[in-house]
PDB file of all heavy atoms in Angstrom:
ATOM      1  N   SER A   1     -22.684  -5.799  11.949  1.00  0.00           N
ATOM      2  CA  SER A   1     -21.820  -6.894  12.365  1.00  0.00           C
ATOM      3  C   SER A   1     -20.473  -6.379  12.874  1.00  0.00           C
ATOM      4  O   SER A   1     -20.006  -5.306  12.473  1.00  0.00           O
ATOM      5  CB  SER A   1     -21.585  -7.858  11.200  1.00  0.00           C
ATOM      6  OG  SER A   1     -20.749  -7.258  10.230  1.00  0.00           O
ATOM      7  N   LEU A   2     -19.877  -7.165  13.730  1.00  0.00           N
ATOM      8  CA  LEU A   2     -18.537  -6.878  14.224  1.00  0.00           C
ATOM      9  C   LEU A   2     -17.552  -6.852  13.049  1.00  0.00           C
ATOM     10  O   LEU A   2     -16.644  -6.020  13.005  1.00  0.00           O
ATOM     11  CB  LEU A   2     -18.131  -7.936  15.245  1.00  0.00           C
ATOM     12  CG  LEU A   2     -16.703  -7.900  15.761  1.00  0.00           C
ATOM     13  CD1 LEU A   2     -16.428  -6.587  16.463  1.00  0.00           C
ATOM     14  CD2 LEU A   2     -16.454  -9.072  16.693  1.00  0.00           C
ATOM     15  N   ARG A   3     -17.746  -7.735  12.104  1.00  0.00           N
ATOM     16  CA  ARG A   3     -16.871  -7.794  10.924  1.00  0.00           C
ATOM     17  C   ARG A   3     -16.895  -6.469  10.159  1.00  0.00           C
ATOM     18  O   ARG A   3     -15.864  -5.986   9.692  1.00  0.00           O
ATOM     19  CB  ARG A   3     -17.307  -8.948  10.011  1.00  0.00           C
ATOM     20  CG  ARG A   3     -16.429  -9.109   8.802  1.00  0.00           C
ATOM     21  CD  ARG A   3     -16.804 -10.389   8.042  1.00  0.00           C
ATOM     22  NE  ARG A   3     -15.891 -10.573   6.932  1.00  0.00           N
ATOM     23  CZ  ARG A   3     -16.229 -10.463   5.665  1.00  0.00           C
ATOM     24  NH1 ARG A   3     -17.485 -10.201   5.339  1.00  0.00           N
ATOM     25  NH2 ARG A   3     -15.346 -10.645   4.716  1.00  0.00           N
ATOM     26  N   TRP A   4     -18.068  -5.857  10.031  1.00  0.00           N
ATOM     27  CA  TRP A   4     -18.185  -4.586   9.311  1.00  0.00           C
ATOM     28  C   TRP A   4     -17.418  -3.496  10.039  1.00  0.00           C
ATOM     29  O   TRP A   4     -16.692  -2.717   9.417  1.00  0.00           O
ATOM     30  CB  TRP A   4     -19.654  -4.210   9.138  1.00  0.00           C
ATOM     31  CG  TRP A   4     -19.846  -2.975   8.322  1.00  0.00           C
ATOM     32  CD1 TRP A   4     -19.852  -2.891   6.962  1.00  0.00           C
ATOM     33  CD2 TRP A   4     -20.066  -1.649   8.808  1.00  0.00           C
ATOM     34  NE1 TRP A   4     -20.052  -1.589   6.567  1.00  0.00           N
ATOM     35  CE2 TRP A   4     -20.189  -0.801   7.684  1.00  0.00           C
ATOM     36  CE3 TRP A   4     -20.173  -1.092  10.068  1.00  0.00           C
ATOM     37  CZ2 TRP A   4     -20.413   0.569   7.794  1.00  0.00           C
ATOM     38  CZ3 TRP A   4     -20.402   0.271  10.170  1.00  0.00           C
ATOM     39  CH2 TRP A   4     -20.519   1.083   9.041  1.00  0.00           C
ATOM     40  N   ILE A   5     -17.543  -3.422  11.361  1.00  0.00           N
ATOM     41  CA  ILE A   5     -16.804  -2.429  12.157  1.00  0.00           C
ATOM     42  C   ILE A   5     -15.310  -2.631  11.956  1.00  0.00           C
ATOM     43  O   ILE A   5     -14.556  -1.677  11.747  1.00  0.00           O
ATOM     44  CB  ILE A   5     -17.166  -2.514  13.663  1.00  0.00           C
ATOM     45  CG1 ILE A   5     -18.631  -2.149  13.894  1.00  0.00           C
ATOM     46  CG2 ILE A   5     -16.243  -1.642  14.503  1.00  0.00           C
ATOM     47  CD1 ILE A   5     -19.012  -0.721  13.556  1.00  0.00           C
ATOM     48  N   ASN A   6     -14.884  -3.873  12.003  1.00  0.00           N
ATOM     49  CA  ASN A   6     -13.472  -4.182  11.814  1.00  0.00           C
ATOM     50  C   ASN A   6     -12.992  -3.718  10.439  1.00  0.00           C
ATOM     51  O   ASN A   6     -11.910  -3.142  10.310  1.00  0.00           O
ATOM     52  CB  ASN A   6     -13.256  -5.690  12.001  1.00  0.00           C
ATOM     53  CG  ASN A   6     -11.805  -6.044  12.052  1.00  0.00           C
ATOM     54  OD1 ASN A   6     -11.199  -6.305  11.013  1.00  0.00           O
ATOM     55  ND2 ASN A   6     -11.247  -6.054  13.244  1.00  0.00           N
ATOM     56  N   ARG A   7     -13.789  -3.956   9.411  1.00  0.00           N
ATOM     57  CA  ARG A   7     -13.418  -3.526   8.053  1.00  0.00           C
ATOM     58  C   ARG A   7     -13.375  -2.005   7.930  1.00  0.00           C
ATOM     59  O   ARG A   7     -12.507  -1.457   7.269  1.00  0.00           O
ATOM     60  CB  ARG A   7     -14.396  -4.111   7.031  1.00  0.00           C
ATOM     61  CG  ARG A   7     -14.227  -5.611   6.826  1.00  0.00           C
ATOM     62  CD  ARG A   7     -15.248  -6.171   5.842  1.00  0.00           C
ATOM     63  NE  ARG A   7     -15.356  -5.387   4.633  1.00  0.00           N
ATOM     64  CZ  ARG A   7     -14.626  -5.564   3.522  1.00  0.00           C
ATOM     65  NH1 ARG A   7     -13.736  -6.518   3.488  1.00  0.00           N
ATOM     66  NH2 ARG A   7     -14.804  -4.803   2.464  1.00  0.00           N
ATOM     67  N   VAL A   8     -14.295  -1.313   8.589  1.00  0.00           N
ATOM     68  CA  VAL A   8     -14.294   0.159   8.578  1.00  0.00           C
ATOM     69  C   VAL A   8     -13.010   0.673   9.208  1.00  0.00           C
ATOM     70  O   VAL A   8     -12.330   1.538   8.670  1.00  0.00           O
ATOM     71  CB  VAL A   8     -15.531   0.736   9.307  1.00  0.00           C
ATOM     72  CG1 VAL A   8     -15.379   2.231   9.546  1.00  0.00           C
ATOM     73  CG2 VAL A   8     -16.802   0.458   8.514  1.00  0.00           C
ATOM     74  N   GLU A   9     -12.669   0.130  10.379  1.00  0.00           N
ATOM     75  CA  GLU A   9     -11.478   0.589  11.087  1.00  0.00           C
ATOM     76  C   GLU A   9     -10.193   0.284  10.330  1.00  0.00           C
ATOM     77  O   GLU A   9      -9.200   0.990  10.495  1.00  0.00           O
ATOM     78  CB  GLU A   9     -11.432  -0.003  12.497  1.00  0.00           C
ATOM     79  CG  GLU A   9     -12.470   0.587  13.412  1.00  0.00           C
ATOM     80  CD  GLU A   9     -12.301   0.178  14.862  1.00  0.00           C
ATOM     81  OE1 GLU A   9     -11.352  -0.573  15.195  1.00  0.00           O
ATOM     82  OE2 GLU A   9     -13.123   0.625  15.682  1.00  0.00           O
ATOM     83  N   ARG A  10     -10.192  -0.736   9.498  1.00  0.00           N
ATOM     84  CA  ARG A  10      -9.012  -1.061   8.692  1.00  0.00           C
ATOM     85  C   ARG A  10      -9.014  -0.333   7.350  1.00  0.00           C
ATOM     86  O   ARG A  10      -8.097  -0.506   6.559  1.00  0.00           O
ATOM     87  CB  ARG A  10      -8.924  -2.570   8.472  1.00  0.00           C
ATOM     88  CG  ARG A  10      -8.586  -3.329   9.742  1.00  0.00           C
ATOM     89  CD  ARG A  10      -8.211  -4.784   9.479  1.00  0.00           C
ATOM     90  NE  ARG A  10      -8.939  -5.389   8.393  1.00  0.00           N
ATOM     91  CZ  ARG A  10      -9.862  -6.341   8.502  1.00  0.00           C
ATOM     92  NH1 ARG A  10     -10.173  -6.810   9.670  1.00  0.00           N
ATOM     93  NH2 ARG A  10     -10.465  -6.841   7.441  1.00  0.00           N
ATOM     94  N   GLY A  11     -10.051   0.448   7.083  1.00  0.00           N
ATOM     95  CA  GLY A  11     -10.123   1.188   5.827  1.00  0.00           C
ATOM     96  C   GLY A  11     -10.491   0.329   4.632  1.00  0.00           C
ATOM     97  O   GLY A  11     -10.181   0.659   3.495  1.00  0.00           O
ATOM     98  N   GLU A  12     -11.187  -0.754   4.888  1.00  0.00           N
ATOM     99  CA  GLU A  12     -11.547  -1.695   3.827  1.00  0.00           C
ATOM    100  C   GLU A  12     -13.003  -1.582   3.381  1.00  0.00           C
ATOM    101  O   GLU A  12     -13.448  -2.357   2.548  1.00  0.00           O
ATOM    102  CB  GLU A  12     -11.275  -3.127   4.290  1.00  0.00           C
ATOM    103  CG  GLU A  12      -9.828  -3.395   4.566  1.00  0.00           C
ATOM    104  CD  GLU A  12      -9.589  -4.778   5.138  1.00  0.00           C
ATOM    105  OE1 GLU A  12     -10.573  -5.518   5.371  1.00  0.00           O
ATOM    106  OE2 GLU A  12      -8.413  -5.107   5.355  1.00  0.00           O
ATOM    107  N   SER A  13     -13.733  -0.641   3.933  1.00  0.00           N
ATOM    108  CA  SER A  13     -15.158  -0.533   3.619  1.00  0.00           C
ATOM    109  C   SER A  13     -15.503   0.884   3.186  1.00  0.00           C
ATOM    110  O   SER A  13     -15.041   1.852   3.780  1.00  0.00           O
ATOM    111  CB  SER A  13     -15.980  -0.904   4.856  1.00  0.00           C
ATOM    112  OG  SER A  13     -17.351  -0.851   4.574  1.00  0.00           O
ATOM    113  N   ASN A  14     -16.298   0.993   2.126  1.00  0.00           N
ATOM    114  CA  ASN A  14     -16.858   2.286   1.726  1.00  0.00           C
ATOM    115  C   ASN A  14     -18.183   2.451   2.452  1.00  0.00           C
ATOM    116  O   ASN A  14     -19.083   1.641   2.298  1.00  0.00           O
ATOM    117  CB  ASN A  14     -17.118   2.331   0.215  1.00  0.00           C
ATOM    118  CG  ASN A  14     -15.880   2.649  -0.556  1.00  0.00           C
ATOM    119  OD1 ASN A  14     -15.028   3.403  -0.114  1.00  0.00           O
ATOM    120  ND2 ASN A  14     -15.771   2.060  -1.737  1.00  0.00           N
ATOM    121  N   LEU A  15     -18.272   3.496   3.256  1.00  0.00           N
ATOM    122  CA  LEU A  15     -19.497   3.725   4.014  1.00  0.00           C
ATOM    123  C   LEU A  15     -20.482   4.533   3.197  1.00  0.00           C
ATOM    124  O   LEU A  15     -20.077   5.396   2.425  1.00  0.00           O
ATOM    125  CB  LEU A  15     -19.187   4.531   5.281  1.00  0.00           C
ATOM    126  CG  LEU A  15     -18.551   3.808   6.438  1.00  0.00           C
ATOM    127  CD1 LEU A  15     -17.109   3.531   6.167  1.00  0.00           C
ATOM    128  CD2 LEU A  15     -18.714   4.634   7.678  1.00  0.00           C
ATOM    129  N   ASN A  16     -21.753   4.266   3.392  1.00  0.00           N
ATOM    130  CA  ASN A  16     -22.749   5.170   2.826  1.00  0.00           C
ATOM    131  C   ASN A  16     -22.888   6.338   3.788  1.00  0.00           C
ATOM    132  O   ASN A  16     -22.431   6.294   4.937  1.00  0.00           O
ATOM    133  CB  ASN A  16     -24.085   4.450   2.544  1.00  0.00           C
ATOM    134  CG  ASN A  16     -24.760   3.975   3.812  1.00  0.00           C
ATOM    135  OD1 ASN A  16     -24.872   4.691   4.796  1.00  0.00           O
ATOM    136  ND2 ASN A  16     -25.228   2.732   3.782  1.00  0.00           N
ATOM    137  N   TRP A  17     -23.525   7.396   3.345  1.00  0.00           N
ATOM    138  CA  TRP A  17     -23.593   8.616   4.165  1.00  0.00           C
ATOM    139  C   TRP A  17     -24.371   8.409   5.455  1.00  0.00           C
ATOM    140  O   TRP A  17     -24.061   8.983   6.483  1.00  0.00           O
ATOM    141  CB  TRP A  17     -24.138   9.790   3.352  1.00  0.00           C
ATOM    142  CG  TRP A  17     -25.560   9.657   2.910  1.00  0.00           C
ATOM    143  CD1 TRP A  17     -26.013   9.098   1.758  1.00  0.00           C
ATOM    144  CD2 TRP A  17     -26.715  10.098   3.621  1.00  0.00           C
ATOM    145  NE1 TRP A  17     -27.380   9.150   1.705  1.00  0.00           N
ATOM    146  CE2 TRP A  17     -27.845   9.770   2.840  1.00  0.00           C
ATOM    147  CE3 TRP A  17     -26.910  10.732   4.837  1.00  0.00           C
ATOM    148  CZ2 TRP A  17     -29.137  10.061   3.248  1.00  0.00           C
ATOM    149  CZ3 TRP A  17     -28.208  11.019   5.236  1.00  0.00           C
ATOM    150  CH2 TRP A  17     -29.297  10.681   4.435  1.00  0.00           C
ATOM    151  N   MET A  18     -25.368   7.541   5.435  1.00  0.00           N
ATOM    152  CA  MET A  18     -26.164   7.314   6.652  1.00  0.00           C
ATOM    153  C   MET A  18     -25.329   6.625   7.728  1.00  0.00           C
ATOM    154  O   MET A  18     -25.379   7.009   8.895  1.00  0.00           O
ATOM    155  CB  MET A  18     -27.406   6.496   6.318  1.00  0.00           C
ATOM    156  CG  MET A  18     -28.412   7.288   5.498  1.00  0.00           C
ATOM    157  SD  MET A  18     -29.823   6.313   4.931  1.00  0.00           S
ATOM    158  CE  MET A  18     -30.513   5.723   6.445  1.00  0.00           C
ATOM    159  N   ASP A  19     -24.546   5.625   7.330  1.00  0.00           N
ATOM    160  CA  ASP A  19     -23.692   4.939   8.300  1.00  0.00           C
ATOM    161  C   ASP A  19     -22.616   5.879   8.831  1.00  0.00           C
ATOM    162  O   ASP A  19     -22.277   5.831  10.014  1.00  0.00           O
ATOM    163  CB  ASP A  19     -23.051   3.698   7.684  1.00  0.00           C
ATOM    164  CG  ASP A  19     -24.050   2.578   7.475  1.00  0.00           C
ATOM    165  OD1 ASP A  19     -25.066   2.543   8.195  1.00  0.00           O
ATOM    166  OD2 ASP A  19     -23.813   1.736   6.592  1.00  0.00           O
ATOM    167  N   MET A  20     -22.077   6.711   7.968  1.00  0.00           N
ATOM    168  CA  MET A  20     -21.050   7.649   8.407  1.00  0.00           C
ATOM    169  C   MET A  20     -21.615   8.614   9.457  1.00  0.00           C
ATOM    170  O   MET A  20     -20.995   8.848  10.494  1.00  0.00           O
ATOM    171  CB  MET A  20     -20.478   8.435   7.234  1.00  0.00           C
ATOM    172  CG  MET A  20     -19.338   9.347   7.660  1.00  0.00           C
ATOM    173  SD  MET A  20     -18.581  10.214   6.297  1.00  0.00           S
ATOM    174  CE  MET A  20     -17.860   8.870   5.397  1.00  0.00           C
ATOM    175  N   ILE A  21     -22.792   9.140   9.201  1.00  0.00           N
ATOM    176  CA  ILE A  21     -23.415  10.068  10.153  1.00  0.00           C
ATOM    177  C   ILE A  21     -23.699   9.366  11.477  1.00  0.00           C
ATOM    178  O   ILE A  21     -23.447   9.920  12.549  1.00  0.00           O
ATOM    179  CB  ILE A  21     -24.696  10.694   9.556  1.00  0.00           C
ATOM    180  CG1 ILE A  21     -24.310  11.655   8.422  1.00  0.00           C
ATOM    181  CG2 ILE A  21     -25.515  11.407  10.626  1.00  0.00           C
ATOM    182  CD1 ILE A  21     -25.473  12.165   7.608  1.00  0.00           C
ATOM    183  N   ARG A  22     -24.208   8.142  11.412  1.00  0.00           N
ATOM    184  CA  ARG A  22     -24.480   7.391  12.645  1.00  0.00           C
ATOM    185  C   ARG A  22     -23.208   7.182  13.455  1.00  0.00           C
ATOM    186  O   ARG A  22     -23.198   7.350  14.669  1.00  0.00           O
ATOM    187  CB  ARG A  22     -25.130   6.046  12.329  1.00  0.00           C
ATOM    188  CG  ARG A  22     -26.558   6.211  11.826  1.00  0.00           C
ATOM    189  CD  ARG A  22     -27.216   4.896  11.556  1.00  0.00           C
ATOM    190  NE  ARG A  22     -27.589   4.316  12.852  1.00  0.00           N
ATOM    191  CZ  ARG A  22     -27.739   3.024  13.046  1.00  0.00           C
ATOM    192  NH1 ARG A  22     -27.560   2.173  12.066  1.00  0.00           N
ATOM    193  NH2 ARG A  22     -28.068   2.560  14.221  1.00  0.00           N
ATOM    194  N   LEU A  23     -22.111   6.821  12.767  1.00  0.00           N
ATOM    195  CA  LEU A  23     -20.840   6.638  13.470  1.00  0.00           C
ATOM    196  C   LEU A  23     -20.386   7.931  14.139  1.00  0.00           C
ATOM    197  O   LEU A  23     -19.947   7.927  15.291  1.00  0.00           O
ATOM    198  CB  LEU A  23     -19.749   6.168  12.494  1.00  0.00           C
ATOM    199  CG  LEU A  23     -19.667   4.680  12.206  1.00  0.00           C
ATOM    200  CD1 LEU A  23     -18.685   4.419  11.082  1.00  0.00           C
ATOM    201  CD2 LEU A  23     -19.280   3.907  13.448  1.00  0.00           C
ATOM    202  N   LEU A  24     -20.487   9.046  13.416  1.00  0.00           N
ATOM    203  CA  LEU A  24     -20.059  10.325  13.973  1.00  0.00           C
ATOM    204  C   LEU A  24     -20.887  10.696  15.198  1.00  0.00           C
ATOM    205  O   LEU A  24     -20.349  11.203  16.188  1.00  0.00           O
ATOM    206  CB  LEU A  24     -20.141  11.431  12.916  1.00  0.00           C
ATOM    207  CG  LEU A  24     -19.247  11.257  11.689  1.00  0.00           C
ATOM    208  CD1 LEU A  24     -19.378  12.459  10.760  1.00  0.00           C
ATOM    209  CD2 LEU A  24     -17.808  11.013  12.055  1.00  0.00           C
ATOM    210  N   ILE A  25     -22.187  10.441  15.149  1.00  0.00           N
ATOM    211  CA  ILE A  25     -23.054  10.758  16.288  1.00  0.00           C
ATOM    212  C   ILE A  25     -22.733   9.846  17.481  1.00  0.00           C
ATOM    213  O   ILE A  25     -22.555  10.328  18.599  1.00  0.00           O
ATOM    214  CB  ILE A  25     -24.540  10.649  15.895  1.00  0.00           C
ATOM    215  CG1 ILE A  25     -24.893  11.775  14.922  1.00  0.00           C
ATOM    216  CG2 ILE A  25     -25.432  10.680  17.126  1.00  0.00           C
ATOM    217  CD1 ILE A  25     -26.243  11.631  14.257  1.00  0.00           C
ATOM    218  N   ILE A  26     -22.635   8.560  17.232  1.00  0.00           N
ATOM    219  CA  ILE A  26     -22.363   7.613  18.317  1.00  0.00           C
ATOM    220  C   ILE A  26     -21.028   7.914  18.991  1.00  0.00           C
ATOM    221  O   ILE A  26     -20.903   7.855  20.213  1.00  0.00           O
ATOM    222  CB  ILE A  26     -22.388   6.156  17.788  1.00  0.00           C
ATOM    223  CG1 ILE A  26     -23.829   5.761  17.437  1.00  0.00           C
ATOM    224  CG2 ILE A  26     -21.786   5.183  18.796  1.00  0.00           C
ATOM    225  CD1 ILE A  26     -23.951   4.479  16.646  1.00  0.00           C
ATOM    226  N   LEU A  27     -20.020   8.267  18.184  1.00  0.00           N
ATOM    227  CA  LEU A  27     -18.677   8.518  18.726  1.00  0.00           C
ATOM    228  C   LEU A  27     -18.439   9.984  19.061  1.00  0.00           C
ATOM    229  O   LEU A  27     -17.337  10.353  19.465  1.00  0.00           O
ATOM    230  CB  LEU A  27     -17.620   8.008  17.742  1.00  0.00           C
ATOM    231  CG  LEU A  27     -17.644   6.495  17.523  1.00  0.00           C
ATOM    232  CD1 LEU A  27     -16.700   6.105  16.399  1.00  0.00           C
ATOM    233  CD2 LEU A  27     -17.307   5.750  18.812  1.00  0.00           C
ATOM    234  N   ASP A  28     -19.489  10.803  18.911  1.00  0.00           N
ATOM    235  CA  ASP A  28     -19.415  12.231  19.239  1.00  0.00           C
ATOM    236  C   ASP A  28     -18.259  12.932  18.520  1.00  0.00           C
ATOM    237  O   ASP A  28     -17.469  13.648  19.123  1.00  0.00           O
ATOM    238  CB  ASP A  28     -19.309  12.413  20.753  1.00  0.00           C
ATOM    239  CG  ASP A  28     -19.640  13.831  21.188  1.00  0.00           C
ATOM    240  OD1 ASP A  28     -20.427  14.497  20.488  1.00  0.00           O
ATOM    241  OD2 ASP A  28     -19.102  14.278  22.218  1.00  0.00           O
ATOM    242  N   LEU A  29     -18.168  12.677  17.205  1.00  0.00           N
ATOM    243  CA  LEU A  29     -17.126  13.288  16.378  1.00  0.00           C
ATOM    244  C   LEU A  29     -17.730  14.399  15.526  1.00  0.00           C
ATOM    245  O   LEU A  29     -18.661  14.150  14.770  1.00  0.00           O
ATOM    246  CB  LEU A  29     -16.498  12.240  15.445  1.00  0.00           C
ATOM    247  CG  LEU A  29     -15.581  11.227  16.098  1.00  0.00           C
ATOM    248  CD1 LEU A  29     -15.261  10.114  15.112  1.00  0.00           C
ATOM    249  CD2 LEU A  29     -14.310  11.897  16.576  1.00  0.00           C
ATOM    250  N   PRO A  30     -17.199  15.620  15.618  1.00  0.00           N
ATOM    251  CA  PRO A  30     -17.704  16.701  14.770  1.00  0.00           C
ATOM    252  C   PRO A  30     -17.280  16.490  13.312  1.00  0.00           C
ATOM    253  O   PRO A  30     -16.118  16.152  13.052  1.00  0.00           O
ATOM    254  CB  PRO A  30     -17.059  17.969  15.337  1.00  0.00           C
ATOM    255  CG  PRO A  30     -16.147  17.540  16.424  1.00  0.00           C
ATOM    256  CD  PRO A  30     -16.210  16.057  16.567  1.00  0.00           C
ATOM    257  N   PRO A  31     -18.183  16.671  12.368  1.00  0.00           N
ATOM    258  CA  PRO A  31     -17.860  16.456  10.955  1.00  0.00           C
ATOM    259  C   PRO A  31     -16.674  17.295  10.473  1.00  0.00           C
ATOM    260  O   PRO A  31     -15.884  16.830   9.668  1.00  0.00           O
ATOM    261  CB  PRO A  31     -19.143  16.848  10.210  1.00  0.00           C
ATOM    262  CG  PRO A  31     -20.210  16.862  11.232  1.00  0.00           C
ATOM    263  CD  PRO A  31     -19.569  17.048  12.563  1.00  0.00           C
ATOM    264  N   GLU A  32     -16.536  18.525  11.000  1.00  0.00           N
ATOM    265  CA  GLU A  32     -15.425  19.386  10.570  1.00  0.00           C
ATOM    266  C   GLU A  32     -14.089  18.758  10.947  1.00  0.00           C
ATOM    267  O   GLU A  32     -13.138  18.809  10.179  1.00  0.00           O
ATOM    268  CB  GLU A  32     -15.491  20.778  11.227  1.00  0.00           C
ATOM    269  CG  GLU A  32     -16.822  21.466  11.231  1.00  0.00           C
ATOM    270  CD  GLU A  32     -17.770  20.997  12.340  1.00  0.00           C
ATOM    271  OE1 GLU A  32     -17.399  20.953  13.538  1.00  0.00           O
ATOM    272  OE2 GLU A  32     -18.899  20.675  11.986  1.00  0.00           O
ATOM    273  N   LYS A  33     -14.028  18.184  12.139  1.00  0.00           N
ATOM    274  CA  LYS A  33     -12.791  17.538  12.592  1.00  0.00           C
ATOM    275  C   LYS A  33     -12.465  16.349  11.704  1.00  0.00           C
ATOM    276  O   LYS A  33     -11.314  16.139  11.322  1.00  0.00           O
ATOM    277  CB  LYS A  33     -12.929  17.091  14.048  1.00  0.00           C
ATOM    278  CG  LYS A  33     -11.717  16.346  14.556  1.00  0.00           C
ATOM    279  CD  LYS A  33     -11.896  15.860  15.965  1.00  0.00           C
ATOM    280  CE  LYS A  33     -10.655  15.070  16.353  1.00  0.00           C
ATOM    281  NZ  LYS A  33     -10.716  14.491  17.653  1.00  0.00           N
ATOM    282  N   VAL A  34     -13.479  15.564  11.381  1.00  0.00           N
ATOM    283  CA  VAL A  34     -13.279  14.384  10.544  1.00  0.00           C
ATOM    284  C   VAL A  34     -12.772  14.806   9.165  1.00  0.00           C
ATOM    285  O   VAL A  34     -11.792  14.261   8.659  1.00  0.00           O
ATOM    286  CB  VAL A  34     -14.575  13.563  10.430  1.00  0.00           C
ATOM    287  CG1 VAL A  34     -14.418  12.422   9.441  1.00  0.00           C
ATOM    288  CG2 VAL A  34     -14.982  13.042  11.794  1.00  0.00           C
ATOM    289  N   ALA A  35     -13.420  15.812   8.574  1.00  0.00           N
ATOM    290  CA  ALA A  35     -12.995  16.281   7.240  1.00  0.00           C
ATOM    291  C   ALA A  35     -11.552  16.748   7.275  1.00  0.00           C
ATOM    292  O   ALA A  35     -10.764  16.434   6.370  1.00  0.00           O
ATOM    293  CB  ALA A  35     -13.919  17.406   6.771  1.00  0.00           C
TER     294      ALA A  35
END
C-alpha cells in the first residue's frame, strides 16, 4: 500500500528482512551503503 511506503519513509514502520531486500533491489541501493 501507498500508506506503508509513506510510513517507511517517515521511519514509522519496522521492515522485515524480505521487504528491506526488495526495497534495496528496486531502488538499486547497495547494502553496504545503507548500513
